[in-house]
Amino acid sequence: MFKFFKNVAREMKKVSWPKGQELWKYTVTVILTVTFVAVFFAIVDLGISQVLELIAQE
């Protein structure tokens, strides 16, 4: 168990962590992408709901 955590710590030191400006760009990109996908699927869901409502009324 201790060997595992020692290896994890060693590998974490090798990681190239993003700088502040780079991190900010990545964060904004993720937030915009998640927002776009959420809006897209909300619109698709609304459209499917409307179509199913029309079919059920007939």
N, C-alpha and C. Protein backbone atom coordinates (compact mmCIF):
# COMPACT_ATOMS: atom_id res chain seq x y z
N MET A 1 0.84 -1.19 0.00
CA MET A 1 0.00 0.00 0.00
C MET A 1 0.88 1.25 0.00
N PHE A 2 1.90 1.28 0.84
CA PHE A 2 2.78 2.44 0.90
C PHE A 2 3.57 2.60 -0.39
N LYS A 3 3.92 1.47 -1.00
CA LYS A 3 4.65 1.51 -2.27
C LYS A 3 3.78 2.17 -3.35
N PHE A 4 2.50 1.83 -3.35
CA PHE A 4 1.58 2.41 -4.32
C PHE A 4 1.53 3.93 -4.19
N PHE A 5 1.34 4.43 -2.97
CA PHE A 5 1.26 5.87 -2.77
C PHE A 5 2.59 6.57 -3.05
N LYS A 6 3.68 5.88 -2.79
CA LYS A 6 5.00 6.43 -3.11
C LYS A 6 5.13 6.58 -4.62
N ASN A 7 4.67 5.57 -5.36
CA ASN A 7 4.72 5.63 -6.83
C ASN A 7 3.78 6.71 -7.36
N VAL A 8 2.63 6.86 -6.74
CA VAL A 8 1.69 7.91 -7.15
C VAL A 8 2.33 9.28 -6.97
N ALA A 9 2.97 9.50 -5.82
CA ALA A 9 3.62 10.78 -5.55
C ALA A 9 4.73 11.04 -6.56
N ARG A 10 5.48 10.01 -6.90
CA ARG A 10 6.57 10.17 -7.87
C ARG A 10 6.01 10.54 -9.24
N GLU A 11 4.93 9.89 -9.66
CA GLU A 11 4.33 10.18 -10.96
C GLU A 11 3.71 11.58 -10.99
N MET A 12 3.12 12.01 -9.88
CA MET A 12 2.49 13.34 -9.83
C MET A 12 3.54 14.44 -9.99
N LYS A 13 4.76 14.18 -9.57
CA LYS A 13 5.83 15.17 -9.76
C LYS A 13 6.21 15.32 -11.22
N LYS A 14 5.94 14.29 -12.02
CA LYS A 14 6.27 14.32 -13.44
C LYS A 14 5.21 15.04 -14.27
N VAL A 15 4.04 15.25 -13.69
CA VAL A 15 2.92 15.85 -14.43
C VAL A 15 3.25 17.30 -14.77
N SER A 16 2.90 17.68 -15.99
CA SER A 16 3.08 19.06 -16.43
C SER A 16 1.77 19.80 -16.17
N TRP A 17 1.71 20.56 -15.07
CA TRP A 17 0.50 21.26 -14.69
C TRP A 17 0.36 22.54 -15.49
N PRO A 18 -0.87 22.89 -15.92
CA PRO A 18 -1.07 24.12 -16.70
C PRO A 18 -0.85 25.37 -15.84
N LYS A 19 -0.39 26.41 -16.50
CA LYS A 19 -0.21 27.70 -15.82
C LYS A 19 -1.57 28.40 -15.71
N GLY A 20 -1.60 29.52 -15.02
CA GLY A 20 -2.85 30.22 -14.75
C GLY A 20 -3.65 30.58 -15.99
N GLN A 21 -3.01 31.21 -16.96
CA GLN A 21 -3.70 31.64 -18.19
C GLN A 21 -4.21 30.43 -18.97
N GLU A 22 -3.40 29.40 -19.06
CA GLU A 22 -3.77 28.18 -19.77
C GLU A 22 -4.95 27.49 -19.06
N LEU A 23 -4.89 27.45 -17.75
CA LEU A 23 -5.95 26.85 -16.96
C LEU A 23 -7.26 27.61 -17.15
N TRP A 24 -7.19 28.93 -17.20
CA TRP A 24 -8.37 29.76 -17.41
C TRP A 24 -9.00 29.45 -18.77
N LYS A 25 -8.19 29.33 -19.81
CA LYS A 25 -8.70 29.01 -21.15
C LYS A 25 -9.39 27.66 -21.16
N TYR A 26 -8.78 26.67 -20.52
CA TYR A 26 -9.37 25.33 -20.46
C TYR A 26 -10.69 25.36 -19.71
N THR A 27 -10.73 26.11 -18.62
CA THR A 27 -11.95 26.19 -17.81
C THR A 27 -13.09 26.81 -18.60
N VAL A 28 -12.81 27.91 -19.29
CA VAL A 28 -13.83 28.58 -20.10
C VAL A 28 -14.30 27.66 -21.22
N THR A 29 -13.37 26.96 -21.85
CA THR A 29 -13.73 26.03 -22.93
C THR A 29 -14.66 24.93 -22.42
N VAL A 30 -14.35 24.37 -21.27
CA VAL A 30 -15.19 23.31 -20.70
C VAL A 30 -16.57 23.84 -20.35
N ILE A 31 -16.64 25.01 -19.72
CA ILE A 31 -17.93 25.58 -19.33
C ILE A 31 -18.78 25.88 -20.56
N LEU A 32 -18.18 26.47 -21.59
CA LEU A 32 -18.93 26.77 -22.81
C LEU A 32 -19.40 25.49 -23.51
N THR A 33 -18.56 24.49 -23.55
CA THR A 33 -18.94 23.23 -24.19
C THR A 33 -20.08 22.56 -23.44
N VAL A 34 -19.99 22.51 -22.13
CA VAL A 34 -21.06 21.90 -21.32
C VAL A 34 -22.36 22.67 -21.49
N THR A 35 -22.28 23.98 -21.51
CA THR A 35 -23.47 24.81 -21.70
C THR A 35 -24.10 24.55 -23.06
N PHE A 36 -23.28 24.52 -24.11
CA PHE A 36 -23.77 24.27 -25.46
C PHE A 36 -24.46 22.92 -25.54
N VAL A 37 -23.83 21.88 -25.00
CA VAL A 37 -24.40 20.54 -25.06
C VAL A 37 -25.71 20.48 -24.26
N ALA A 38 -25.75 21.13 -23.11
CA ALA A 38 -26.97 21.14 -22.30
C ALA A 38 -28.11 21.82 -23.04
N VAL A 39 -27.84 22.96 -23.66
CA VAL A 39 -28.88 23.69 -24.41
C VAL A 39 -29.31 22.86 -25.61
N PHE A 40 -28.36 22.26 -26.30
CA PHE A 40 -28.68 21.44 -27.47
C PHE A 40 -29.63 20.30 -27.09
N PHE A 41 -29.30 19.57 -26.03
CA PHE A 41 -30.14 18.45 -25.65
C PHE A 41 -31.48 18.91 -25.07
N ALA A 42 -31.52 20.07 -24.45
CA ALA A 42 -32.79 20.60 -23.97
C ALA A 42 -33.71 20.91 -25.15
N ILE A 43 -33.16 21.48 -26.21
CA ILE A 43 -33.94 21.78 -27.40
C ILE A 43 -34.41 20.50 -28.08
N VAL A 44 -33.52 19.52 -28.19
CA VAL A 44 -33.89 18.23 -28.79
C VAL A 44 -34.99 17.57 -27.96
N ASP A 45 -34.84 17.60 -26.63
CA ASP A 45 -35.85 17.01 -25.75
C ASP A 45 -37.19 17.71 -25.91
N LEU A 46 -37.17 19.02 -25.99
CA LEU A 46 -38.40 19.78 -26.18
C LEU A 46 -39.04 19.41 -27.52
N GLY A 47 -38.25 19.30 -28.55
CA GLY A 47 -38.77 18.93 -29.87
C GLY A 47 -39.39 17.55 -29.87
N ILE A 48 -38.71 16.58 -29.27
CA ILE A 48 -39.25 15.22 -29.21
C ILE A 48 -40.53 15.20 -28.39
N SER A 49 -40.55 15.94 -27.30
CA SER A 49 -41.77 16.01 -26.46
C SER A 49 -42.94 16.57 -27.25
N GLN A 50 -42.69 17.61 -28.03
CA GLN A 50 -43.75 18.22 -28.83
C GLN A 50 -44.26 17.24 -29.89
N VAL A 51 -43.36 16.53 -30.53
CA VAL A 51 -43.76 15.55 -31.55
C VAL A 51 -44.59 14.44 -30.91
N LEU A 52 -44.16 13.95 -29.78
CA LEU A 52 -44.91 12.89 -29.11
C LEU A 52 -46.28 13.38 -28.64
N GLU A 53 -46.36 14.62 -28.22
CA GLU A 53 -47.64 15.21 -27.83
C GLU A 53 -48.58 15.29 -29.01
N LEU A 54 -48.07 15.70 -30.16
CA LEU A 54 -48.89 15.76 -31.36
C LEU A 54 -49.39 14.37 -31.76
N ILE A 55 -48.52 13.39 -31.66
CA ILE A 55 -48.92 12.01 -32.02
C ILE A 55 -49.98 11.50 -31.04
N ALA A 56 -49.83 11.81 -29.77
CA ALA A 56 -50.77 11.31 -28.76
C ALA A 56 -52.14 11.98 -28.90
N GLN A 57 -52.21 13.20 -29.41
CA GLN A 57 -53.47 13.89 -29.56
C GLN A 57 -54.30 13.34 -30.72
N GLU A 58 -53.68 12.74 -31.66
CA GLU A 58 -54.40 12.26 -32.86
C GLU A 58 -55.11 10.97 -32.61
